[in-house]
Amino acid sequence: MRNTKNIKTSSYSPSHITGFFEICDNKNPLYKGSVGAGIVLEAGCVTEVSLNISQKGTKIEINGMEEEASTSKYVVESLTGKYKVGVMVSTVFDVPVGAGLGASGAGALSTAHAINELLSLGMTTNEVAQIAHLAEVENNTGLGDVIAETYGGVVIRKKPGPPGIGIIDTVPHRRERISYVVFRKRSTKAVLLDDSMKRVINEAGRQAMKEMIRKPNLENFMLVSRKFSLHSEVISDKCKDAIEAVDSEGKVASAAMIGDTVFVIGKSEALKEFGEVKESRISDAGARRIG
């Protein structure tokens, strides 16, 4: 570890919208996760980590406010425990938190990359991502966002787990612009701990994967995700109304998993009737150090 008393470094992670998924349980959290497909967005988060030898404990700020942030805290404690030093983590998000945009995974992944650089740990990309994945799984804040956010693009997750364990494939894209509306925050943890809901999700998720593999392109991803949203019993009535409104203008919308958010490729006049429309292009790159 460096001997400087005050050091700062920054890392970036994109966000991730899951269109459909199947939960894959395993006693080993590195092998626990999900299969499915999703879109990685350029809008994500930047995490700045600073180290002060004279300070003890971890302080985490999310968008300027001090938070418990259990997933990011798990990463910090896993990577800094033996050093007994104080760490300040500040994450600024370009996407809403708790909206099904993979924010917790992005925060954990960007934090892990920043601490790896800060402490000169010499960890590989896979090793860094595995810590972030463990943080998500152990805190029930996500299952498959980290591996997607590590690589970018339109990602099909074929085997659960982080990079080095999980297996992905990607779908060609043209960095299309994605529009979305967020209705409210929703707890991923509440869904992941509901056994009856998990059974419905997994049945719909298995069928969705079969349909996606038969025709792996972005247009089919939207169709399959829409069908999954409407049949998995996960989404709200407001999401259903927005999806149907977009249908009426000849476009395909779906809901972000697990969140109260509806997204569509390109622009949608119908979506504007449901709230503030935010936009981001599909990212062709994953998490990385930026400073």
C-alpha atoms as a PDB file:
ATOM      1  CA  MET A   1       0.000   0.000   0.000  1.00  0.00           C
ATOM      2  CA  ARG A   2       1.196   3.530  -0.750  1.00  0.00           C
ATOM      3  CA  ASN A   3       2.476   5.626   2.158  1.00  0.00           C
ATOM      4  CA  THR A   4       0.739   8.876   1.160  1.00  0.00           C
ATOM      5  CA  LYS A   5      -1.690  10.149   3.804  1.00  0.00           C
ATOM      6  CA  ASN A   6      -4.298  11.586   1.444  1.00  0.00           C
ATOM      7  CA  ILE A   7      -4.833   9.868  -1.884  1.00  0.00           C
ATOM      8  CA  LYS A   8      -7.761   9.973  -4.264  1.00  0.00           C
ATOM      9  CA  THR A   9      -8.730   7.937  -7.271  1.00  0.00           C
ATOM     10  CA  SER A  10     -11.891   7.599  -9.347  1.00  0.00           C
ATOM     11  CA  SER A  11     -13.624   4.883 -11.329  1.00  0.00           C
ATOM     12  CA  TYR A  12     -16.681   4.724 -13.559  1.00  0.00           C
ATOM     13  CA  SER A  13     -19.318   2.061 -14.091  1.00  0.00           C
ATOM     14  CA  PRO A  14     -22.192   2.044 -16.571  1.00  0.00           C
ATOM     15  CA  SER A  15     -25.694   1.093 -15.458  1.00  0.00           C
ATOM     16  CA  HIS A  16     -27.707  -1.902 -16.625  1.00  0.00           C
ATOM     17  CA  ILE A  17     -31.347  -2.611 -17.458  1.00  0.00           C
ATOM     18  CA  THR A  18     -32.352  -6.262 -17.163  1.00  0.00           C
ATOM     19  CA  GLY A  19     -35.160  -7.133 -19.570  1.00  0.00           C
ATOM     20  CA  PHE A  20     -35.772 -10.683 -18.349  1.00  0.00           C
ATOM     21  CA  PHE A  21     -34.067 -13.113 -16.002  1.00  0.00           C
ATOM     22  CA  GLU A  22     -34.115 -16.413 -14.175  1.00  0.00           C
ATOM     23  CA  ILE A  23     -32.798 -16.675 -10.610  1.00  0.00           C
ATOM     24  CA  CYS A  24     -30.055 -19.277 -10.117  1.00  0.00           C
ATOM     25  CA  ASP A  25     -29.472 -20.193  -6.465  1.00  0.00           C
ATOM     26  CA  ASN A  26     -26.254 -21.728  -5.184  1.00  0.00           C
ATOM     27  CA  LYS A  27     -24.782 -22.181  -1.710  1.00  0.00           C
ATOM     28  CA  ASN A  28     -21.572 -20.623  -3.009  1.00  0.00           C
ATOM     29  CA  PRO A  29     -22.366 -16.911  -3.603  1.00  0.00           C
ATOM     30  CA  LEU A  30     -19.800 -16.732  -6.411  1.00  0.00           C
ATOM     31  CA  TYR A  31     -21.922 -19.199  -8.362  1.00  0.00           C
ATOM     32  CA  LYS A  32     -25.226 -17.650  -7.375  1.00  0.00           C
ATOM     33  CA  GLY A  33     -26.784 -15.141  -9.751  1.00  0.00           C
ATOM     34  CA  SER A  34     -29.096 -15.048 -12.721  1.00  0.00           C
ATOM     35  CA  VAL A  35     -29.276 -15.766 -16.412  1.00  0.00           C
ATOM     36  CA  GLY A  36     -31.151 -13.475 -18.765  1.00  0.00           C
ATOM     37  CA  ALA A  37     -30.494 -10.457 -20.946  1.00  0.00           C
ATOM     38  CA  GLY A  38     -30.155  -6.723 -20.601  1.00  0.00           C
ATOM     39  CA  ILE A  39     -28.873  -3.428 -21.941  1.00  0.00           C
ATOM     40  CA  VAL A  40     -25.861  -1.597 -20.498  1.00  0.00           C
ATOM     41  CA  LEU A  41     -26.265   2.194 -20.502  1.00  0.00           C
ATOM     42  CA  GLU A  42     -23.550   4.844 -20.708  1.00  0.00           C
ATOM     43  CA  ALA A  43     -25.233   6.777 -17.903  1.00  0.00           C
ATOM     44  CA  GLY A  44     -24.034   5.178 -14.696  1.00  0.00           C
ATOM     45  CA  CYS A  45     -21.917   6.437 -11.824  1.00  0.00           C
ATOM     46  CA  VAL A  46     -18.516   7.782 -10.867  1.00  0.00           C
ATOM     47  CA  THR A  47     -16.993   6.811  -7.536  1.00  0.00           C
ATOM     48  CA  GLU A  48     -14.160   8.736  -5.909  1.00  0.00           C
ATOM     49  CA  VAL A  49     -12.312   6.968  -3.117  1.00  0.00           C
ATOM     50  CA  SER A  50      -9.918   8.733  -0.770  1.00  0.00           C
ATOM     51  CA  LEU A  51      -7.682   7.325   1.924  1.00  0.00           C
ATOM     52  CA  ASN A  52      -6.579   9.024   5.136  1.00  0.00           C
ATOM     53  CA  ILE A  53      -4.312   7.099   7.494  1.00  0.00           C
ATOM     54  CA  SER A  54      -5.377   9.228  10.494  1.00  0.00           C
ATOM     55  CA  GLN A  55      -9.090   8.449  10.009  1.00  0.00           C
ATOM     56  CA  LYS A  56     -10.779   5.207  11.062  1.00  0.00           C
ATOM     57  CA  GLY A  57     -13.836   3.549   9.596  1.00  0.00           C
ATOM     58  CA  THR A  58     -15.646   3.886   6.318  1.00  0.00           C
ATOM     59  CA  LYS A  59     -17.775   6.833   5.252  1.00  0.00           C
ATOM     60  CA  ILE A  60     -19.956   6.508   2.165  1.00  0.00           C
ATOM     61  CA  GLU A  61     -21.769   9.308   0.390  1.00  0.00           C
ATOM     62  CA  ILE A  62     -24.329   8.745  -2.352  1.00  0.00           C
ATOM     63  CA  ASN A  63     -25.061  11.845  -4.420  1.00  0.00           C
ATOM     64  CA  GLY A  64     -23.606  14.006  -1.644  1.00  0.00           C
ATOM     65  CA  MET A  65     -25.584  12.444   1.225  1.00  0.00           C
ATOM     66  CA  GLU A  66     -24.062  10.085   3.783  1.00  0.00           C
ATOM     67  CA  GLU A  67     -25.670   6.642   3.454  1.00  0.00           C
ATOM     68  CA  GLU A  68     -25.326   3.134   4.887  1.00  0.00           C
ATOM     69  CA  ALA A  69     -24.920   1.757   1.320  1.00  0.00           C
ATOM     70  CA  SER A  70     -24.467  -1.840   2.507  1.00  0.00           C
ATOM     71  CA  THR A  71     -23.396  -3.171  -0.906  1.00  0.00           C
ATOM     72  CA  SER A  72     -20.613  -0.627  -1.417  1.00  0.00           C
ATOM     73  CA  LYS A  73     -19.638  -0.950   2.248  1.00  0.00           C
ATOM     74  CA  TYR A  74     -19.189  -4.703   1.762  1.00  0.00           C
ATOM     75  CA  VAL A  75     -16.723  -3.966  -1.050  1.00  0.00           C
ATOM     76  CA  VAL A  76     -14.754  -1.474   1.044  1.00  0.00           C
ATOM     77  CA  GLU A  77     -14.476  -3.761   4.045  1.00  0.00           C
ATOM     78  CA  SER A  78     -13.530  -6.762   1.886  1.00  0.00           C
ATOM     79  CA  LEU A  79     -10.681  -4.880   0.227  1.00  0.00           C
ATOM     80  CA  THR A  80      -9.380  -2.667   3.052  1.00  0.00           C
ATOM     81  CA  GLY A  81      -9.949  -4.767   6.188  1.00  0.00           C
ATOM     82  CA  LYS A  82      -6.354  -5.786   6.798  1.00  0.00           C
ATOM     83  CA  TYR A  83      -5.043  -2.248   6.382  1.00  0.00           C
ATOM     84  CA  LYS A  84      -7.072  -0.747   9.274  1.00  0.00           C
ATOM     85  CA  VAL A  85      -7.373   2.616   7.529  1.00  0.00           C
ATOM     86  CA  GLY A  86     -10.115   5.163   7.002  1.00  0.00           C
ATOM     87  CA  VAL A  87     -11.766   5.316   3.615  1.00  0.00           C
ATOM     88  CA  MET A  88     -14.098   7.922   2.165  1.00  0.00           C
ATOM     89  CA  VAL A  89     -16.280   6.762  -0.727  1.00  0.00           C
ATOM     90  CA  SER A  90     -18.286   9.248  -2.752  1.00  0.00           C
ATOM     91  CA  THR A  91     -20.508   7.948  -5.566  1.00  0.00           C
ATOM     92  CA  VAL A  92     -22.429  10.231  -7.909  1.00  0.00           C
ATOM     93  CA  PHE A  93     -25.106   8.600 -10.069  1.00  0.00           C
ATOM     94  CA  ASP A  94     -26.396   9.738 -13.449  1.00  0.00           C
ATOM     95  CA  VAL A  95     -29.304   7.286 -13.084  1.00  0.00           C
ATOM     96  CA  PRO A  96     -31.962   6.952 -10.367  1.00  0.00           C
ATOM     97  CA  VAL A  97     -31.159   4.583  -7.508  1.00  0.00           C
ATOM     98  CA  GLY A  98     -33.690   1.841  -6.756  1.00  0.00           C
ATOM     99  CA  ALA A  99     -35.290   1.980 -10.189  1.00  0.00           C
ATOM    100  CA  GLY A 100     -34.111  -1.267 -11.793  1.00  0.00           C
ATOM    101  CA  LEU A 101     -31.090   0.309 -13.490  1.00  0.00           C
ATOM    102  CA  GLY A 102     -28.429  -1.730 -11.711  1.00  0.00           C
ATOM    103  CA  ALA A 103     -27.282   1.203  -9.590  1.00  0.00           C
ATOM    104  CA  SER A 104     -26.164  -0.881  -6.598  1.00  0.00           C
ATOM    105  CA  GLY A 105     -24.058  -3.095  -8.849  1.00  0.00           C
ATOM    106  CA  ALA A 106     -22.555  -0.060 -10.582  1.00  0.00           C
ATOM    107  CA  GLY A 107     -21.736   1.523  -7.232  1.00  0.00           C
ATOM    108  CA  ALA A 108     -20.107  -1.654  -5.944  1.00  0.00           C
ATOM    109  CA  LEU A 109     -18.158  -2.225  -9.165  1.00  0.00           C
ATOM    110  CA  SER A 110     -16.859   1.335  -9.447  1.00  0.00           C
ATOM    111  CA  THR A 111     -15.914   1.284  -5.759  1.00  0.00           C
ATOM    112  CA  ALA A 112     -14.000  -1.979  -6.177  1.00  0.00           C
ATOM    113  CA  HIS A 113     -12.086  -0.641  -9.191  1.00  0.00           C
ATOM    114  CA  ALA A 114     -11.214   2.570  -7.338  1.00  0.00           C
ATOM    115  CA  ILE A 115      -9.964   0.798  -4.201  1.00  0.00           C
ATOM    116  CA  ASN A 116      -7.930  -1.648  -6.288  1.00  0.00           C
ATOM    117  CA  GLU A 117      -6.128   1.348  -7.768  1.00  0.00           C
ATOM    118  CA  LEU A 118      -5.965   3.325  -4.524  1.00  0.00           C
ATOM    119  CA  LEU A 119      -4.265   0.551  -2.568  1.00  0.00           C
ATOM    120  CA  SER A 120      -2.268  -0.854  -5.503  1.00  0.00           C
ATOM    121  CA  LEU A 121      -3.829  -4.256  -4.846  1.00  0.00           C
ATOM    122  CA  GLY A 122      -2.927  -5.572  -8.291  1.00  0.00           C
ATOM    123  CA  MET A 123      -6.262  -7.320  -8.772  1.00  0.00           C
ATOM    124  CA  THR A 124      -7.415  -8.341 -12.231  1.00  0.00           C
ATOM    125  CA  THR A 125     -10.671  -7.180 -13.793  1.00  0.00           C
ATOM    126  CA  ASN A 126     -12.266 -10.521 -12.963  1.00  0.00           C
ATOM    127  CA  GLU A 127     -11.118 -10.407  -9.335  1.00  0.00           C
ATOM    128  CA  VAL A 128     -12.443  -6.880  -8.876  1.00  0.00           C
ATOM    129  CA  ALA A 129     -15.811  -7.801 -10.396  1.00  0.00           C
ATOM    130  CA  GLN A 130     -16.077 -10.924  -8.238  1.00  0.00           C
ATOM    131  CA  ILE A 131     -15.898  -8.796  -5.082  1.00  0.00           C
ATOM    132  CA  ALA A 132     -18.652  -6.539  -6.424  1.00  0.00           C
ATOM    133  CA  HIS A 133     -20.788  -9.550  -7.352  1.00  0.00           C
ATOM    134  CA  LEU A 134     -20.372 -11.028  -3.873  1.00  0.00           C
ATOM    135  CA  ALA A 135     -21.437  -7.692  -2.380  1.00  0.00           C
ATOM    136  CA  GLU A 136     -24.628  -7.709  -4.473  1.00  0.00           C
ATOM    137  CA  VAL A 137     -25.549 -11.326  -3.785  1.00  0.00           C
ATOM    138  CA  GLU A 138     -24.809 -11.195  -0.061  1.00  0.00           C
ATOM    139  CA  ASN A 139     -26.944  -8.053   0.334  1.00  0.00           C
ATOM    140  CA  ASN A 140     -29.750  -9.195  -2.000  1.00  0.00           C
ATOM    141  CA  THR A 141     -29.461  -6.028  -4.101  1.00  0.00           C
ATOM    142  CA  GLY A 142     -28.832  -7.752  -7.431  1.00  0.00           C
ATOM    143  CA  LEU A 143     -27.845 -10.944  -9.214  1.00  0.00           C
ATOM    144  CA  GLY A 144     -26.579 -10.280 -12.720  1.00  0.00           C
ATOM    145  CA  ASP A 145     -25.786  -6.589 -13.109  1.00  0.00           C
ATOM    146  CA  VAL A 146     -22.067  -6.757 -12.294  1.00  0.00           C
ATOM    147  CA  ILE A 147     -21.036  -9.086 -15.118  1.00  0.00           C
ATOM    148  CA  ALA A 148     -23.001  -7.005 -17.639  1.00  0.00           C
ATOM    149  CA  GLU A 149     -21.572  -3.722 -16.325  1.00  0.00           C
ATOM    150  CA  THR A 150     -18.056  -5.155 -16.565  1.00  0.00           C
ATOM    151  CA  TYR A 151     -18.330  -5.589 -20.330  1.00  0.00           C
ATOM    152  CA  GLY A 152     -21.003  -3.262 -21.721  1.00  0.00           C
ATOM    153  CA  GLY A 153     -23.317  -3.721 -24.703  1.00  0.00           C
ATOM    154  CA  VAL A 154     -26.488  -5.764 -25.070  1.00  0.00           C
ATOM    155  CA  VAL A 155     -25.645  -8.752 -22.886  1.00  0.00           C
ATOM    156  CA  ILE A 156     -27.061 -12.278 -22.760  1.00  0.00           C
ATOM    157  CA  ARG A 157     -26.092 -13.916 -19.472  1.00  0.00           C
ATOM    158  CA  LYS A 158     -25.888 -17.639 -20.238  1.00  0.00           C
ATOM    159  CA  LYS A 159     -24.324 -18.878 -16.993  1.00  0.00           C
ATOM    160  CA  PRO A 160     -24.729 -17.183 -13.585  1.00  0.00           C
ATOM    161  CA  GLY A 161     -21.902 -15.555 -11.684  1.00  0.00           C
ATOM    162  CA  PRO A 162     -19.332 -12.784 -12.094  1.00  0.00           C
ATOM    163  CA  PRO A 163     -16.614 -12.567 -14.766  1.00  0.00           C
ATOM    164  CA  GLY A 164     -14.375 -15.627 -14.592  1.00  0.00           C
ATOM    165  CA  ILE A 165     -17.322 -17.804 -13.571  1.00  0.00           C
ATOM    166  CA  GLY A 166     -20.398 -16.570 -15.403  1.00  0.00           C
ATOM    167  CA  ILE A 167     -20.654 -16.793 -19.191  1.00  0.00           C
ATOM    168  CA  ILE A 168     -22.075 -14.079 -21.427  1.00  0.00           C
ATOM    169  CA  ASP A 169     -22.637 -13.396 -25.096  1.00  0.00           C
ATOM    170  CA  THR A 170     -23.437 -10.029 -26.671  1.00  0.00           C
ATOM    171  CA  VAL A 171     -25.842  -8.821 -29.316  1.00  0.00           C
ATOM    172  CA  PRO A 172     -24.644  -6.396 -32.032  1.00  0.00           C
ATOM    173  CA  HIS A 173     -25.966  -2.853 -31.577  1.00  0.00           C
ATOM    174  CA  ARG A 174     -25.466   0.662 -32.920  1.00  0.00           C
ATOM    175  CA  ARG A 175     -25.289   2.432 -29.570  1.00  0.00           C
ATOM    176  CA  GLU A 176     -28.980   3.163 -29.858  1.00  0.00           C
ATOM    177  CA  ARG A 177     -30.504   5.716 -27.521  1.00  0.00           C
ATOM    178  CA  ILE A 178     -32.730   4.292 -24.770  1.00  0.00           C
ATOM    179  CA  SER A 179     -35.554   6.383 -23.277  1.00  0.00           C
ATOM    180  CA  TYR A 180     -37.066   5.562 -19.901  1.00  0.00           C
ATOM    181  CA  VAL A 181     -39.477   6.821 -17.264  1.00  0.00           C
ATOM    182  CA  VAL A 182     -39.161   5.981 -13.566  1.00  0.00           C
ATOM    183  CA  PHE A 183     -42.368   5.834 -11.516  1.00  0.00           C
ATOM    184  CA  ARG A 184     -41.049   5.030  -8.047  1.00  0.00           C
ATOM    185  CA  LYS A 185     -38.315   3.227  -6.171  1.00  0.00           C
ATOM    186  CA  ARG A 186     -38.650  -0.491  -5.604  1.00  0.00           C
ATOM    187  CA  SER A 187     -36.761  -2.919  -3.366  1.00  0.00           C
ATOM    188  CA  THR A 188     -34.944  -5.685  -5.215  1.00  0.00           C
ATOM    189  CA  LYS A 189     -34.418  -7.463  -1.905  1.00  0.00           C
ATOM    190  CA  ALA A 190     -38.154  -7.828  -1.270  1.00  0.00           C
ATOM    191  CA  VAL A 191     -38.631  -9.652  -4.575  1.00  0.00           C
ATOM    192  CA  LEU A 192     -35.557 -11.883  -4.214  1.00  0.00           C
ATOM    193  CA  LEU A 193     -36.752 -13.079  -0.794  1.00  0.00           C
ATOM    194  CA  ASP A 194     -40.286 -13.916  -1.995  1.00  0.00           C
ATOM    195  CA  ASP A 195     -40.292 -17.630  -2.907  1.00  0.00           C
ATOM    196  CA  SER A 196     -43.669 -17.585  -4.677  1.00  0.00           C
ATOM    197  CA  MET A 197     -42.629 -14.649  -6.839  1.00  0.00           C
ATOM    198  CA  LYS A 198     -39.319 -16.333  -7.641  1.00  0.00           C
ATOM    199  CA  ARG A 199     -41.149 -19.380  -9.013  1.00  0.00           C
ATOM    200  CA  VAL A 200     -43.240 -17.240 -11.369  1.00  0.00           C
ATOM    201  CA  ILE A 201     -40.186 -15.245 -12.460  1.00  0.00           C
ATOM    202  CA  ASN A 202     -38.142 -18.366 -13.180  1.00  0.00           C
ATOM    203  CA  GLU A 203     -40.837 -19.998 -15.267  1.00  0.00           C
ATOM    204  CA  ALA A 204     -41.246 -16.844 -17.379  1.00  0.00           C
ATOM    205  CA  GLY A 205     -37.474 -16.344 -17.491  1.00  0.00           C
ATOM    206  CA  ARG A 206     -36.740 -19.818 -18.862  1.00  0.00           C
ATOM    207  CA  GLN A 207     -39.235 -19.326 -21.682  1.00  0.00           C
ATOM    208  CA  ALA A 208     -37.880 -15.854 -22.432  1.00  0.00           C
ATOM    209  CA  MET A 209     -34.313 -17.156 -22.752  1.00  0.00           C
ATOM    210  CA  LYS A 210     -35.397 -19.817 -25.247  1.00  0.00           C
ATOM    211  CA  GLU A 211     -37.096 -17.176 -27.379  1.00  0.00           C
ATOM    212  CA  MET A 212     -34.099 -14.831 -27.154  1.00  0.00           C
ATOM    213  CA  ILE A 213     -31.573 -17.480 -28.173  1.00  0.00           C
ATOM    214  CA  ARG A 214     -33.667 -18.359 -31.237  1.00  0.00           C
ATOM    215  CA  LYS A 215     -33.390 -14.775 -32.505  1.00  0.00           C
ATOM    216  CA  PRO A 216     -30.616 -12.872 -30.692  1.00  0.00           C
ATOM    217  CA  ASN A 217     -31.060  -9.265 -31.794  1.00  0.00           C
ATOM    218  CA  LEU A 218     -32.061  -6.033 -30.087  1.00  0.00           C
ATOM    219  CA  GLU A 219     -35.553  -5.928 -31.560  1.00  0.00           C
ATOM    220  CA  ASN A 220     -36.342  -9.435 -30.332  1.00  0.00           C
ATOM    221  CA  PHE A 221     -34.859  -8.584 -26.941  1.00  0.00           C
ATOM    222  CA  MET A 222     -37.482  -5.857 -26.586  1.00  0.00           C
ATOM    223  CA  LEU A 223     -40.304  -8.192 -27.653  1.00  0.00           C
ATOM    224  CA  VAL A 224     -39.189 -10.984 -25.327  1.00  0.00           C
ATOM    225  CA  SER A 225     -38.675  -8.554 -22.432  1.00  0.00           C
ATOM    226  CA  ARG A 226     -42.134  -7.057 -22.952  1.00  0.00           C
ATOM    227  CA  LYS A 227     -43.698 -10.520 -22.834  1.00  0.00           C
ATOM    228  CA  PHE A 228     -41.703 -11.397 -19.705  1.00  0.00           C
ATOM    229  CA  SER A 229     -42.775  -8.154 -18.010  1.00  0.00           C
ATOM    230  CA  LEU A 230     -46.441  -8.819 -18.622  1.00  0.00           C
ATOM    231  CA  HIS A 231     -46.333 -12.505 -17.640  1.00  0.00           C
ATOM    232  CA  SER A 232     -43.960 -12.521 -14.651  1.00  0.00           C
ATOM    233  CA  GLU A 233     -46.324 -10.662 -12.289  1.00  0.00           C
ATOM    234  CA  VAL A 234     -43.493  -8.375 -11.231  1.00  0.00           C
ATOM    235  CA  ILE A 235     -44.548  -5.030 -12.710  1.00  0.00           C
ATOM    236  CA  SER A 236     -47.044  -2.427 -11.513  1.00  0.00           C
ATOM    237  CA  ASP A 237     -50.274  -1.406 -13.219  1.00  0.00           C
ATOM    238  CA  LYS A 238     -48.654   1.902 -14.128  1.00  0.00           C
ATOM    239  CA  CYS A 239     -45.882   0.069 -15.965  1.00  0.00           C
ATOM    240  CA  LYS A 240     -48.486  -1.978 -17.824  1.00  0.00           C
ATOM    241  CA  ASP A 241     -50.343   1.187 -18.816  1.00  0.00           C
ATOM    242  CA  ALA A 242     -47.144   2.788 -20.141  1.00  0.00           C
ATOM    243  CA  ILE A 243     -46.195  -0.328 -22.113  1.00  0.00           C
ATOM    244  CA  GLU A 244     -49.644  -0.439 -23.695  1.00  0.00           C
ATOM    245  CA  ALA A 245     -49.507   3.278 -24.530  1.00  0.00           C
ATOM    246  CA  VAL A 246     -46.204   2.806 -26.344  1.00  0.00           C
ATOM    247  CA  ASP A 247     -47.759  -0.170 -28.186  1.00  0.00           C
ATOM    248  CA  SER A 248     -50.399   2.184 -29.568  1.00  0.00           C
ATOM    249  CA  GLU A 249     -47.760   4.240 -31.392  1.00  0.00           C
ATOM    250  CA  GLY A 250     -46.234   1.139 -32.982  1.00  0.00           C
ATOM    251  CA  LYS A 251     -43.216   0.771 -30.680  1.00  0.00           C
ATOM    252  CA  VAL A 252     -42.197  -1.831 -28.110  1.00  0.00           C
ATOM    253  CA  ALA A 253     -41.603  -0.911 -24.473  1.00  0.00           C
ATOM    254  CA  SER A 254     -40.782  -3.069 -21.484  1.00  0.00           C
ATOM    255  CA  ALA A 255     -40.104  -2.769 -17.753  1.00  0.00           C
ATOM    256  CA  ALA A 256     -36.683  -2.711 -16.098  1.00  0.00           C
ATOM    257  CA  MET A 257     -36.128  -5.643 -13.744  1.00  0.00           C
ATOM    258  CA  ILE A 258     -36.500  -5.253 -10.819  1.00  0.00           C
ATOM    259  CA  GLY A 259     -37.927  -1.731 -10.806  1.00  0.00           C
ATOM    260  CA  ASP A 260     -40.909   0.468 -11.529  1.00  0.00           C
ATOM    261  CA  THR A 261     -39.393   1.792 -14.770  1.00  0.00           C
ATOM    262  CA  VAL A 262     -40.441   1.515 -18.420  1.00  0.00           C
ATOM    263  CA  PHE A 263     -37.928   1.783 -21.272  1.00  0.00           C
ATOM    264  CA  VAL A 264     -38.023   1.899 -25.073  1.00  0.00           C
ATOM    265  CA  ILE A 265     -35.504   2.124 -27.922  1.00  0.00           C
ATOM    266  CA  GLY A 266     -35.373   5.663 -29.299  1.00  0.00           C
ATOM    267  CA  LYS A 267     -37.934   8.323 -28.513  1.00  0.00           C
ATOM    268  CA  SER A 268     -41.582   7.822 -27.574  1.00  0.00           C
ATOM    269  CA  GLU A 269     -44.226  10.530 -27.482  1.00  0.00           C
ATOM    270  CA  ALA A 270     -46.533   8.197 -25.556  1.00  0.00           C
ATOM    271  CA  LEU A 271     -43.967   7.730 -22.787  1.00  0.00           C
ATOM    272  CA  LYS A 272     -43.890  11.498 -22.151  1.00  0.00           C
ATOM    273  CA  GLU A 273     -47.434  11.290 -20.832  1.00  0.00           C
ATOM    274  CA  PHE A 274     -46.220   9.214 -17.871  1.00  0.00           C
ATOM    275  CA  GLY A 275     -43.502  11.474 -16.475  1.00  0.00           C
ATOM    276  CA  GLU A 276     -40.055  12.873 -17.080  1.00  0.00           C
ATOM    277  CA  VAL A 277     -38.311  10.955 -19.864  1.00  0.00           C
ATOM    278  CA  LYS A 278     -34.585  10.365 -19.384  1.00  0.00           C
ATOM    279  CA  GLU A 279     -32.229   9.132 -22.101  1.00  0.00           C
ATOM    280  CA  SER A 280     -28.914   7.318 -22.424  1.00  0.00           C
ATOM    281  CA  ARG A 281     -27.113   5.543 -25.215  1.00  0.00           C
ATOM    282  CA  ILE A 282     -26.199   1.883 -25.042  1.00  0.00           C
ATOM    283  CA  SER A 283     -22.641   1.616 -23.764  1.00  0.00           C
ATOM    284  CA  ASP A 284     -20.041  -0.284 -25.769  1.00  0.00           C
ATOM    285  CA  ALA A 285     -17.626  -0.428 -22.816  1.00  0.00           C
ATOM    286  CA  GLY A 286     -17.695  -1.483 -19.189  1.00  0.00           C
ATOM    287  CA  ALA A 287     -16.430  -0.269 -15.801  1.00  0.00           C
ATOM    288  CA  ARG A 288     -12.955   1.256 -15.632  1.00  0.00           C
ATOM    289  CA  ARG A 289     -10.627   3.588 -13.772  1.00  0.00           C
ATOM    290  CA  ILE A 290     -10.886   7.218 -14.888  1.00  0.00           C
ATOM    291  CA  GLY A 291      -8.613   9.121 -12.542  1.00  0.00           C
END
